[in-house]
N, C-alpha and C. Protein backbone atom coordinates (compact mmCIF):
# COMPACT_ATOMS: atom_id res chain seq x y z
N MET A 1 0.84 -1.18 0.00
CA MET A 1 0.00 0.00 0.00
C MET A 1 0.89 1.24 0.00
N VAL A 2 0.55 2.18 -0.84
CA VAL A 2 1.31 3.42 -0.94
C VAL A 2 0.63 4.49 -0.11
N SER A 3 1.41 5.08 0.79
CA SER A 3 0.85 6.14 1.63
C SER A 3 0.72 7.43 0.84
N THR A 4 -0.38 8.12 1.04
CA THR A 4 -0.57 9.41 0.36
C THR A 4 -0.29 10.58 1.30
N ALA A 5 0.12 10.26 2.51
CA ALA A 5 0.41 11.33 3.47
C ALA A 5 1.64 12.11 3.01
N ALA A 6 1.55 13.41 3.09
CA ALA A 6 2.67 14.25 2.66
C ALA A 6 3.80 14.17 3.67
N THR A 7 5.01 14.04 3.15
CA THR A 7 6.18 14.05 4.02
C THR A 7 6.53 15.49 4.34
N PRO A 8 6.73 15.80 5.61
CA PRO A 8 7.07 17.19 5.95
C PRO A 8 8.30 17.66 5.18
N ALA A 9 8.22 18.85 4.63
CA ALA A 9 9.33 19.38 3.85
C ALA A 9 10.46 19.80 4.77
N SER A 10 11.68 19.53 4.33
CA SER A 10 12.84 19.95 5.10
C SER A 10 12.98 21.47 5.01
N ASP A 11 13.82 22.03 5.87
CA ASP A 11 14.06 23.48 5.84
C ASP A 11 14.59 23.90 4.48
N LEU A 12 15.49 23.08 3.91
CA LEU A 12 16.06 23.42 2.60
C LEU A 12 14.98 23.41 1.53
N GLU A 13 14.11 22.39 1.55
CA GLU A 13 13.03 22.33 0.56
C GLU A 13 12.11 23.53 0.68
N GLN A 14 11.82 23.96 1.91
CA GLN A 14 10.96 25.12 2.09
C GLN A 14 11.63 26.39 1.58
N GLN A 15 12.93 26.52 1.83
CA GLN A 15 13.66 27.69 1.34
C GLN A 15 13.66 27.71 -0.18
N VAL A 16 13.87 26.54 -0.80
CA VAL A 16 13.89 26.47 -2.26
C VAL A 16 12.51 26.83 -2.82
N SER A 17 11.46 26.29 -2.21
CA SER A 17 10.11 26.54 -2.74
C SER A 17 9.72 28.01 -2.65
N ARG A 18 10.33 28.75 -1.73
CA ARG A 18 10.00 30.17 -1.57
C ARG A 18 11.00 31.09 -2.29
N SER A 19 11.93 30.52 -3.00
CA SER A 19 12.99 31.34 -3.60
C SER A 19 12.50 32.09 -4.83
N ALA A 20 13.18 33.20 -5.10
CA ALA A 20 12.86 33.99 -6.29
C ALA A 20 13.14 33.20 -7.56
N LEU A 21 14.12 32.28 -7.50
CA LEU A 21 14.42 31.47 -8.68
C LEU A 21 13.23 30.60 -9.07
N VAL A 22 12.60 29.97 -8.10
CA VAL A 22 11.43 29.13 -8.39
C VAL A 22 10.29 30.00 -8.93
N ASP A 23 10.11 31.19 -8.35
CA ASP A 23 9.10 32.10 -8.89
C ASP A 23 9.37 32.41 -10.35
N ALA A 24 10.64 32.69 -10.67
CA ALA A 24 11.01 33.01 -12.05
C ALA A 24 10.75 31.83 -12.98
N LEU A 25 11.06 30.62 -12.51
CA LEU A 25 10.83 29.43 -13.34
C LEU A 25 9.34 29.20 -13.57
N LEU A 26 8.52 29.39 -12.53
CA LEU A 26 7.09 29.17 -12.67
C LEU A 26 6.43 30.19 -13.58
N GLN A 27 6.95 31.41 -13.58
CA GLN A 27 6.29 32.49 -14.32
C GLN A 27 6.94 32.79 -15.66
N ARG A 28 7.99 32.05 -16.03
CA ARG A 28 8.70 32.35 -17.27
C ARG A 28 7.82 32.07 -18.48
N ARG A 29 7.69 33.07 -19.32
CA ARG A 29 6.96 32.94 -20.57
C ARG A 29 7.68 33.75 -21.64
N SER A 30 7.61 33.30 -22.86
CA SER A 30 8.17 34.06 -23.98
C SER A 30 7.09 34.98 -24.52
N ARG A 31 7.32 36.27 -24.44
CA ARG A 31 6.35 37.24 -24.96
C ARG A 31 6.98 37.93 -26.15
N ARG A 32 6.43 37.69 -27.34
CA ARG A 32 7.01 38.23 -28.56
C ARG A 32 6.28 39.45 -29.08
N PHE A 33 5.08 39.71 -28.55
CA PHE A 33 4.30 40.78 -29.16
C PHE A 33 4.65 42.11 -28.53
N ALA A 34 5.41 42.90 -29.26
CA ALA A 34 5.81 44.23 -28.79
C ALA A 34 4.96 45.29 -29.46
N LYS A 35 5.01 46.49 -28.89
CA LYS A 35 4.30 47.61 -29.50
C LYS A 35 4.84 47.86 -30.90
N GLY A 36 3.93 48.11 -31.83
CA GLY A 36 4.32 48.41 -33.19
C GLY A 36 4.45 47.22 -34.10
N LEU A 37 4.27 46.00 -33.58
CA LEU A 37 4.40 44.81 -34.42
C LEU A 37 3.06 44.42 -35.05
N HIS A 38 3.18 43.62 -36.09
CA HIS A 38 2.00 43.14 -36.82
C HIS A 38 2.15 41.65 -37.04
N LEU A 39 1.21 40.88 -36.49
CA LEU A 39 1.19 39.43 -36.65
C LEU A 39 0.19 39.09 -37.74
N ASN A 40 0.66 38.49 -38.81
CA ASN A 40 -0.22 38.22 -39.96
C ASN A 40 -0.69 36.78 -39.96
N GLY A 41 -1.78 36.52 -40.60
CA GLY A 41 -2.23 35.16 -40.89
C GLY A 41 -3.00 34.49 -39.77
N GLY A 42 -4.11 33.84 -40.14
CA GLY A 42 -4.86 33.00 -39.22
C GLY A 42 -5.70 33.77 -38.23
N PRO A 43 -6.34 33.03 -37.33
CA PRO A 43 -7.27 33.65 -36.38
C PRO A 43 -6.59 34.55 -35.35
N LEU A 44 -5.27 34.42 -35.19
CA LEU A 44 -4.57 35.25 -34.21
C LEU A 44 -3.97 36.51 -34.83
N ALA A 45 -4.28 36.80 -36.09
CA ALA A 45 -3.74 37.99 -36.74
C ALA A 45 -4.08 39.22 -35.92
N TYR A 46 -3.08 40.09 -35.77
CA TYR A 46 -3.27 41.27 -34.94
C TYR A 46 -2.23 42.31 -35.30
N ALA A 47 -2.60 43.56 -35.29
CA ALA A 47 -1.67 44.66 -35.51
C ALA A 47 -1.74 45.60 -34.32
N SER A 48 -0.58 45.88 -33.74
CA SER A 48 -0.53 46.80 -32.62
C SER A 48 -0.91 48.20 -33.09
N ALA A 49 -1.72 48.88 -32.29
CA ALA A 49 -2.09 50.26 -32.61
C ALA A 49 -1.08 51.25 -32.04
N GLU A 50 -0.09 50.73 -31.31
CA GLU A 50 0.90 51.58 -30.66
C GLU A 50 2.13 51.76 -31.54
N GLN A 51 2.87 52.82 -31.27
CA GLN A 51 4.16 53.02 -31.91
C GLN A 51 5.19 52.11 -31.24
N PRO A 52 6.24 51.68 -31.98
CA PRO A 52 7.28 50.89 -31.34
C PRO A 52 7.87 51.63 -30.14
N GLN A 53 8.19 50.89 -29.09
CA GLN A 53 8.76 51.48 -27.88
C GLN A 53 10.06 50.76 -27.56
N PRO A 54 11.19 51.31 -28.01
CA PRO A 54 12.48 50.66 -27.76
C PRO A 54 12.78 50.55 -26.27
N LEU A 55 13.63 49.60 -25.92
CA LEU A 55 14.11 49.50 -24.55
C LEU A 55 14.95 50.72 -24.20
N THR A 56 14.97 51.06 -22.93
CA THR A 56 15.93 52.06 -22.49
C THR A 56 17.31 51.42 -22.50
N GLN A 57 18.35 52.24 -22.46
CA GLN A 57 19.70 51.66 -22.46
C GLN A 57 19.95 50.85 -21.20
N GLY A 58 19.34 51.28 -20.09
CA GLY A 58 19.48 50.51 -18.85
C GLY A 58 18.82 49.16 -18.94
N GLU A 59 17.63 49.08 -19.55
CA GLU A 59 16.96 47.80 -19.73
C GLU A 59 17.77 46.90 -20.65
N GLU A 60 18.29 47.49 -21.72
CA GLU A 60 19.12 46.73 -22.65
C GLU A 60 20.38 46.22 -21.96
N ALA A 61 20.96 47.07 -21.10
CA ALA A 61 22.18 46.69 -20.38
C ALA A 61 21.94 45.50 -19.47
N ALA A 62 20.78 45.49 -18.78
CA ALA A 62 20.47 44.37 -17.90
C ALA A 62 20.31 43.07 -18.68
N LEU A 63 19.65 43.15 -19.85
CA LEU A 63 19.51 41.95 -20.69
C LEU A 63 20.86 41.49 -21.23
N ALA A 64 21.71 42.45 -21.61
CA ALA A 64 23.04 42.10 -22.12
C ALA A 64 23.85 41.40 -21.04
N PHE A 65 23.73 41.88 -19.80
CA PHE A 65 24.45 41.22 -18.70
C PHE A 65 23.94 39.79 -18.52
N ALA A 66 22.62 39.62 -18.56
CA ALA A 66 22.06 38.28 -18.41
C ALA A 66 22.53 37.35 -19.53
N ALA A 67 22.76 37.91 -20.71
CA ALA A 67 23.15 37.11 -21.87
C ALA A 67 24.63 36.72 -21.84
N CYS A 68 25.51 37.62 -21.35
CA CYS A 68 26.93 37.31 -21.48
C CYS A 68 27.82 38.07 -20.49
N GLY A 69 27.27 38.47 -19.35
CA GLY A 69 28.05 39.27 -18.42
C GLY A 69 29.16 38.51 -17.72
N VAL A 70 30.22 39.23 -17.35
CA VAL A 70 31.31 38.68 -16.55
C VAL A 70 30.85 38.68 -15.10
N THR A 71 30.91 37.53 -14.43
CA THR A 71 30.33 37.41 -13.09
C THR A 71 31.36 37.17 -11.99
N GLY A 72 32.56 36.77 -12.31
CA GLY A 72 33.53 36.47 -11.27
C GLY A 72 34.55 35.48 -11.77
N TYR A 73 35.08 34.72 -10.85
CA TYR A 73 36.16 33.80 -11.19
C TYR A 73 35.64 32.37 -11.23
N ALA A 74 36.05 31.63 -12.24
CA ALA A 74 35.65 30.23 -12.38
C ALA A 74 36.26 29.42 -11.25
N LEU A 75 35.53 28.42 -10.80
CA LEU A 75 36.04 27.60 -9.70
C LEU A 75 37.20 26.71 -10.14
N GLY A 76 37.13 26.22 -11.37
CA GLY A 76 38.22 25.36 -11.84
C GLY A 76 38.39 24.10 -11.01
N ASP A 77 37.27 23.56 -10.49
CA ASP A 77 37.37 22.39 -9.62
C ASP A 77 37.45 21.11 -10.46
N LEU A 78 38.66 20.87 -10.96
CA LEU A 78 38.98 19.72 -11.79
C LEU A 78 40.27 19.10 -11.28
N PRO A 79 40.52 17.83 -11.59
CA PRO A 79 41.80 17.23 -11.19
C PRO A 79 42.92 17.69 -12.13
N TYR A 80 43.93 18.32 -11.57
CA TYR A 80 45.04 18.80 -12.39
C TYR A 80 46.18 17.81 -12.44
N GLN A 81 46.14 16.81 -11.56
CA GLN A 81 47.10 15.72 -11.59
C GLN A 81 46.33 14.42 -11.41
N ALA A 82 46.90 13.32 -11.90
CA ALA A 82 46.20 12.04 -11.84
C ALA A 82 46.09 11.52 -10.41
N GLY A 83 47.10 11.77 -9.59
CA GLY A 83 47.08 11.24 -8.23
C GLY A 83 47.07 9.73 -8.25
N GLU A 84 46.26 9.14 -7.34
CA GLU A 84 46.26 7.66 -7.24
C GLU A 84 45.36 7.01 -8.28
N VAL A 85 44.60 7.78 -9.06
CA VAL A 85 43.73 7.22 -10.10
C VAL A 85 44.35 7.56 -11.46
N PRO A 86 44.87 6.57 -12.18
CA PRO A 86 45.56 6.84 -13.45
C PRO A 86 44.68 7.57 -14.46
N GLU A 87 45.29 8.46 -15.21
CA GLU A 87 44.66 9.16 -16.34
C GLU A 87 43.42 9.96 -15.96
N THR A 88 43.41 10.49 -14.75
CA THR A 88 42.26 11.30 -14.36
C THR A 88 42.61 12.79 -14.26
N GLY A 89 43.82 13.17 -14.62
CA GLY A 89 44.17 14.58 -14.65
C GLY A 89 43.48 15.25 -15.83
N GLY A 90 43.81 16.46 -16.09
CA GLY A 90 43.24 17.12 -17.26
C GLY A 90 42.60 18.46 -16.95
N GLY A 91 42.77 18.94 -15.73
CA GLY A 91 42.23 20.24 -15.41
C GLY A 91 42.84 21.36 -16.24
N ASN A 92 44.00 21.05 -16.82
CA ASN A 92 44.66 22.07 -17.66
C ASN A 92 43.89 22.34 -18.95
N ILE A 93 42.74 21.68 -19.12
CA ILE A 93 41.89 21.98 -20.28
C ILE A 93 41.24 23.36 -20.12
N MET A 94 41.22 23.88 -18.89
CA MET A 94 40.67 25.22 -18.64
C MET A 94 41.52 26.26 -19.35
N THR A 95 40.88 27.09 -20.15
CA THR A 95 41.64 28.11 -20.88
C THR A 95 41.60 29.47 -20.20
N HIS A 96 40.56 29.72 -19.39
CA HIS A 96 40.45 30.96 -18.62
C HIS A 96 39.89 30.60 -17.25
N PHE A 97 40.01 31.50 -16.33
CA PHE A 97 39.44 31.28 -15.00
C PHE A 97 38.46 32.40 -14.65
N ILE A 98 37.72 32.85 -15.66
CA ILE A 98 36.72 33.88 -15.50
C ILE A 98 35.35 33.28 -15.79
N GLY A 99 34.37 33.62 -14.96
CA GLY A 99 33.01 33.12 -15.14
C GLY A 99 32.13 34.15 -15.85
N ARG A 100 31.14 33.63 -16.56
CA ARG A 100 30.19 34.46 -17.29
C ARG A 100 28.78 33.94 -17.03
N THR A 101 27.78 34.75 -17.34
CA THR A 101 26.41 34.28 -17.17
C THR A 101 26.06 33.19 -18.17
N VAL A 102 26.73 33.17 -19.32
CA VAL A 102 26.47 32.15 -20.34
C VAL A 102 27.45 30.99 -20.12
N PRO A 103 26.98 29.73 -20.16
CA PRO A 103 27.89 28.61 -19.96
C PRO A 103 28.98 28.57 -21.02
N SER A 104 30.12 28.01 -20.64
CA SER A 104 31.22 27.92 -21.59
C SER A 104 32.08 26.71 -21.26
N ALA A 105 32.13 25.74 -22.17
CA ALA A 105 32.99 24.59 -21.98
C ALA A 105 34.45 25.05 -21.90
N ASP A 106 35.18 24.51 -20.93
CA ASP A 106 36.60 24.81 -20.73
C ASP A 106 36.86 26.29 -20.49
N ALA A 107 35.83 27.03 -20.14
CA ALA A 107 35.93 28.49 -19.94
C ALA A 107 36.55 29.18 -21.15
N LEU A 108 36.20 28.67 -22.35
CA LEU A 108 36.73 29.27 -23.59
C LEU A 108 36.04 30.59 -23.92
N HIS A 109 34.82 30.76 -23.48
CA HIS A 109 34.04 31.96 -23.80
C HIS A 109 34.00 32.19 -25.30
N ASP A 110 33.56 31.16 -26.01
CA ASP A 110 33.56 31.20 -27.48
C ASP A 110 32.28 31.82 -28.05
N VAL A 111 31.36 32.26 -27.18
CA VAL A 111 30.14 32.92 -27.66
C VAL A 111 30.37 34.43 -27.67
N THR A 112 30.21 35.02 -28.84
CA THR A 112 30.27 36.47 -28.98
C THR A 112 28.86 36.98 -29.21
N MET A 113 28.46 38.00 -28.45
CA MET A 113 27.11 38.53 -28.56
C MET A 113 27.13 39.83 -29.36
N PHE A 114 26.20 39.92 -30.31
CA PHE A 114 25.99 41.15 -31.08
C PHE A 114 24.63 41.72 -30.68
N VAL A 115 24.53 43.03 -30.62
CA VAL A 115 23.29 43.72 -30.25
C VAL A 115 22.91 44.66 -31.38
N LEU A 116 21.68 44.51 -31.87
CA LEU A 116 21.17 45.35 -32.96
C LEU A 116 19.94 46.09 -32.46
N ASN A 117 19.92 47.41 -32.67
CA ASN A 117 18.72 48.18 -32.36
C ASN A 117 18.63 49.34 -33.34
N ASP A 118 17.67 50.22 -33.13
CA ASP A 118 17.46 51.32 -34.08
C ASP A 118 18.66 52.26 -34.14
N GLY A 119 19.46 52.30 -33.08
CA GLY A 119 20.60 53.21 -33.03
C GLY A 119 21.87 52.68 -33.63
N GLY A 120 21.95 51.37 -33.88
CA GLY A 120 23.17 50.82 -34.45
C GLY A 120 23.34 49.34 -34.14
N THR A 121 24.57 48.87 -34.36
CA THR A 121 24.92 47.47 -34.13
C THR A 121 26.24 47.44 -33.37
N TRP A 122 26.29 46.61 -32.33
CA TRP A 122 27.47 46.52 -31.49
C TRP A 122 27.88 45.07 -31.25
N LEU A 123 29.15 44.88 -31.02
CA LEU A 123 29.71 43.62 -30.51
C LEU A 123 29.96 43.82 -29.03
N LEU A 124 29.65 42.81 -28.22
CA LEU A 124 29.95 42.86 -26.79
C LEU A 124 31.21 42.04 -26.52
N LYS A 125 32.17 42.67 -25.89
CA LYS A 125 33.45 42.00 -25.63
C LYS A 125 33.28 40.78 -24.74
N ARG A 126 34.08 39.77 -25.03
CA ARG A 126 34.19 38.59 -24.16
C ARG A 126 35.25 38.90 -23.09
N PRO A 127 35.35 38.09 -22.05
CA PRO A 127 36.37 38.36 -21.02
C PRO A 127 37.78 38.49 -21.59
N GLN A 128 38.13 37.63 -22.53
CA GLN A 128 39.49 37.65 -23.09
C GLN A 128 39.75 38.84 -24.00
N ASP A 129 38.71 39.61 -24.32
CA ASP A 129 38.88 40.79 -25.15
C ASP A 129 39.25 42.03 -24.33
N PHE A 130 39.20 41.90 -23.00
CA PHE A 130 39.61 42.99 -22.12
C PHE A 130 41.07 42.80 -21.69
N PRO A 131 41.78 43.88 -21.41
CA PRO A 131 43.09 43.71 -20.77
C PRO A 131 42.92 42.97 -19.45
N ARG A 132 43.84 42.10 -19.14
CA ARG A 132 43.72 41.27 -17.93
C ARG A 132 43.50 42.12 -16.67
N GLY A 133 44.14 43.27 -16.63
CA GLY A 133 44.01 44.12 -15.46
C GLY A 133 42.63 44.72 -15.26
N ASP A 134 41.78 44.67 -16.30
CA ASP A 134 40.43 45.21 -16.20
C ASP A 134 39.45 44.25 -15.52
N ILE A 135 39.80 42.97 -15.47
CA ILE A 135 38.84 41.95 -15.02
C ILE A 135 38.37 42.18 -13.58
N PRO A 136 39.25 42.47 -12.61
CA PRO A 136 38.73 42.70 -11.25
C PRO A 136 37.70 43.83 -11.19
N GLY A 137 37.90 44.90 -11.97
CA GLY A 137 36.94 45.99 -11.99
C GLY A 137 35.61 45.56 -12.59
N LEU A 138 35.65 44.70 -13.62
CA LEU A 138 34.41 44.19 -14.21
C LEU A 138 33.63 43.35 -13.21
N VAL A 139 34.35 42.51 -12.50
CA VAL A 139 33.71 41.65 -11.49
C VAL A 139 33.09 42.50 -10.39
N GLU A 140 33.84 43.51 -9.93
CA GLU A 140 33.34 44.39 -8.88
C GLU A 140 32.09 45.13 -9.34
N ALA A 141 32.09 45.62 -10.57
CA ALA A 141 30.93 46.34 -11.10
C ALA A 141 29.73 45.41 -11.24
N ALA A 142 29.97 44.16 -11.64
CA ALA A 142 28.87 43.20 -11.75
C ALA A 142 28.25 42.92 -10.39
N ARG A 143 29.09 42.74 -9.38
CA ARG A 143 28.57 42.45 -8.04
C ARG A 143 27.85 43.66 -7.44
N ALA A 144 28.20 44.86 -7.92
CA ALA A 144 27.50 46.07 -7.47
C ALA A 144 26.28 46.37 -8.34
N ARG A 145 25.98 45.47 -9.30
CA ARG A 145 24.83 45.61 -10.20
C ARG A 145 24.91 46.87 -11.05
N GLN A 146 26.11 47.25 -11.46
CA GLN A 146 26.30 48.43 -12.30
C GLN A 146 26.24 48.03 -13.77
N PHE A 147 25.07 47.56 -14.20
CA PHE A 147 24.94 46.97 -15.52
C PHE A 147 25.13 47.98 -16.64
N LEU A 148 24.67 49.19 -16.46
CA LEU A 148 24.82 50.19 -17.51
C LEU A 148 26.30 50.54 -17.73
N ALA A 149 27.04 50.70 -16.64
CA ALA A 149 28.48 50.98 -16.76
C ALA A 149 29.20 49.83 -17.44
N LEU A 150 28.84 48.60 -17.10
CA LEU A 150 29.45 47.42 -17.74
C LEU A 150 29.12 47.38 -19.23
N TYR A 151 27.87 47.72 -19.54
CA TYR A 151 27.42 47.70 -20.94
C TYR A 151 28.22 48.70 -21.76
N GLU A 152 28.39 49.87 -21.22
CA GLU A 152 29.15 50.90 -21.94
C GLU A 152 30.60 50.50 -22.14
N ARG A 153 31.18 49.80 -21.17
CA ARG A 153 32.57 49.35 -21.30
C ARG A 153 32.71 48.18 -22.26
N SER A 154 31.64 47.43 -22.46
CA SER A 154 31.70 46.21 -23.26
C SER A 154 31.41 46.41 -24.74
N ARG A 155 30.67 47.48 -25.07
CA ARG A 155 30.17 47.63 -26.44
C ARG A 155 31.24 48.15 -27.39
N VAL A 156 31.35 47.49 -28.52
CA VAL A 156 32.24 47.93 -29.61
C VAL A 156 31.34 48.22 -30.81
N PRO A 157 31.29 49.48 -31.31
CA PRO A 157 30.39 49.78 -32.43
C PRO A 157 30.82 49.08 -33.71
N ILE A 158 29.85 48.51 -34.38
CA ILE A 158 30.08 47.82 -35.66
C ILE A 158 29.47 48.63 -36.81
N ALA A 159 28.31 49.22 -36.57
CA ALA A 159 27.62 50.00 -37.61
C ALA A 159 26.76 51.04 -36.91
N ASP A 160 26.49 52.14 -37.60
CA ASP A 160 25.66 53.20 -37.02
C ASP A 160 24.19 53.02 -37.38
N ARG A 161 23.83 51.81 -37.78
CA ARG A 161 22.45 51.49 -38.11
C ARG A 161 22.17 50.04 -37.72
N ARG A 162 20.91 49.68 -37.73
CA ARG A 162 20.53 48.28 -37.47
C ARG A 162 20.91 47.45 -38.70
N LEU A 163 21.82 46.52 -38.54
CA LEU A 163 22.17 45.64 -39.65
C LEU A 163 21.07 44.61 -39.86
N GLU A 164 20.84 44.25 -41.09
CA GLU A 164 19.82 43.26 -41.42
C GLU A 164 20.43 41.87 -41.35
N ILE A 165 19.66 40.95 -40.83
CA ILE A 165 20.03 39.54 -40.77
C ILE A 165 19.28 38.84 -41.90
N PRO A 166 19.92 37.92 -42.62
CA PRO A 166 19.17 37.19 -43.66
C PRO A 166 17.88 36.62 -43.07
N ARG A 167 16.78 36.84 -43.73
CA ARG A 167 15.48 36.51 -43.16
C ARG A 167 14.96 35.15 -43.64
N GLN A 168 15.85 34.16 -43.64
CA GLN A 168 15.43 32.80 -43.96
C GLN A 168 16.22 31.84 -43.07
N PRO A 169 15.72 30.61 -42.90
CA PRO A 169 16.46 29.63 -42.11
C PRO A 169 17.84 29.39 -42.73
N PRO A 170 18.87 29.13 -41.93
CA PRO A 170 18.84 28.94 -40.47
C PRO A 170 18.99 30.23 -39.68
N PHE A 171 19.05 31.37 -40.34
CA PHE A 171 19.28 32.63 -39.64
C PHE A 171 18.03 33.09 -38.89
N VAL A 172 16.90 33.09 -39.54
CA VAL A 172 15.63 33.46 -38.91
C VAL A 172 14.58 32.43 -39.33
N PRO A 173 14.04 31.67 -38.38
CA PRO A 173 12.97 30.72 -38.74
C PRO A 173 11.76 31.47 -39.30
N ALA A 174 11.03 30.83 -40.17
CA ALA A 174 9.89 31.48 -40.83
C ALA A 174 8.90 32.05 -39.82
N PHE A 175 8.68 31.34 -38.70
CA PHE A 175 7.68 31.79 -37.73
C PHE A 175 8.14 32.98 -36.90
N ASN A 176 9.41 33.39 -37.03
CA ASN A 176 9.90 34.55 -36.29
C ASN A 176 10.14 35.77 -37.18
N ARG A 177 9.90 35.65 -38.47
CA ARG A 177 10.18 36.79 -39.36
C ARG A 177 9.40 38.03 -38.98
N TRP A 178 8.18 37.84 -38.50
CA TRP A 178 7.32 38.97 -38.20
C TRP A 178 7.81 39.78 -37.00
N SER A 179 8.62 39.14 -36.11
CA SER A 179 9.01 39.81 -34.88
C SER A 179 10.51 40.04 -34.73
N ALA A 180 11.33 39.33 -35.51
CA ALA A 180 12.78 39.38 -35.31
C ALA A 180 13.39 40.61 -35.99
N ASN A 181 14.13 41.38 -35.22
CA ASN A 181 14.91 42.51 -35.74
C ASN A 181 14.04 43.56 -36.43
N GLN A 182 12.89 43.81 -35.84
CA GLN A 182 11.97 44.81 -36.38
C GLN A 182 12.26 46.19 -35.76
N PRO A 183 11.83 47.27 -36.41
CA PRO A 183 12.02 48.60 -35.82
C PRO A 183 11.46 48.67 -34.40
N GLY A 184 12.22 49.30 -33.53
CA GLY A 184 11.82 49.43 -32.14
C GLY A 184 12.25 48.29 -31.25
N THR A 185 12.78 47.21 -31.83
CA THR A 185 13.20 46.06 -31.03
C THR A 185 14.71 46.08 -30.81
N THR A 186 15.13 45.34 -29.80
CA THR A 186 16.55 45.04 -29.61
C THR A 186 16.73 43.57 -29.95
N TYR A 187 17.69 43.29 -30.81
CA TYR A 187 17.91 41.93 -31.30
C TYR A 187 19.28 41.48 -30.83
N PHE A 188 19.32 40.44 -30.00
CA PHE A 188 20.57 39.87 -29.52
C PHE A 188 20.93 38.67 -30.40
N VAL A 189 22.12 38.68 -30.95
CA VAL A 189 22.55 37.60 -31.85
C VAL A 189 23.81 36.96 -31.28
N PRO A 190 23.68 35.77 -30.67
CA PRO A 190 24.87 35.07 -30.19
C PRO A 190 25.54 34.30 -31.32
N VAL A 191 26.84 34.40 -31.41
CA VAL A 191 27.61 33.66 -32.42
C VAL A 191 28.64 32.83 -31.68
N ALA A 192 28.55 31.50 -31.85
CA ALA A 192 29.48 30.58 -31.18
C ALA A 192 30.50 30.06 -32.18
N GLU A 193 31.75 30.22 -31.85
CA GLU A 193 32.85 29.73 -32.70
C GLU A 193 33.47 28.55 -31.96
N CYS A 194 33.23 27.33 -32.43
CA CYS A 194 33.55 26.12 -31.68
C CYS A 194 34.90 25.50 -32.03
N THR A 195 35.62 26.05 -32.99
CA THR A 195 36.88 25.44 -33.42
C THR A 195 37.84 25.27 -32.26
N ALA A 196 38.01 26.33 -31.46
CA ALA A 196 38.97 26.29 -30.36
C ALA A 196 38.59 25.21 -29.35
N LEU A 197 37.29 24.99 -29.13
CA LEU A 197 36.84 23.96 -28.20
C LEU A 197 37.30 22.59 -28.65
N TYR A 198 37.09 22.28 -29.93
CA TYR A 198 37.46 20.94 -30.41
C TYR A 198 38.98 20.76 -30.41
N ILE A 199 39.70 21.81 -30.74
CA ILE A 199 41.16 21.72 -30.67
C ILE A 199 41.60 21.49 -29.24
N ASN A 200 40.97 22.19 -28.30
CA ASN A 200 41.32 22.05 -26.90
C ASN A 200 41.05 20.64 -26.39
N VAL A 201 39.92 20.07 -26.78
CA VAL A 201 39.58 18.69 -26.36
C VAL A 201 40.60 17.70 -26.93
N LEU A 202 40.97 17.89 -28.21
CA LEU A 202 41.94 16.99 -28.83
C LEU A 202 43.30 17.10 -28.17
């Protein structure tokens, strides 16, 4: 017989259930319909009566940090010598010891983020694109939640206008053409260059 009585939750379980992270997971939804957009076709066709409303630079900065911000130092908790277990070393596969909000195998930081909006197009620097001496200041600014200052330090201008992305797969799926990279929007384009990862593994 299986008991249906609830087992009392531990203190840790109660803390987890009340955490902001769980709230964020429960309420996470993708909302694509922005002011100024037009959704064509079918029973859900709709055109916004509002003018496009771009993000503020501070809002954009917070999203950019979430996408690829420098957060601190990587733990590097790997075996660097084999010790008593043969062939278990290999911690030297770590290429950097800096952490980011975006995962990175071997801390290669091979994802480069581009930001496109009505004002232009920018590349956001990766940790290795900064002078080494700048990293402690970046970490300190991140921990102080100074996202706008970090954003301004990270952006490298590429164009003074919104660059167009090819509007067909694999660049833009057909179902996203109506909303992707439209006037008034901010478009984040991550580009992953995996060559260094495979060389590092080999």
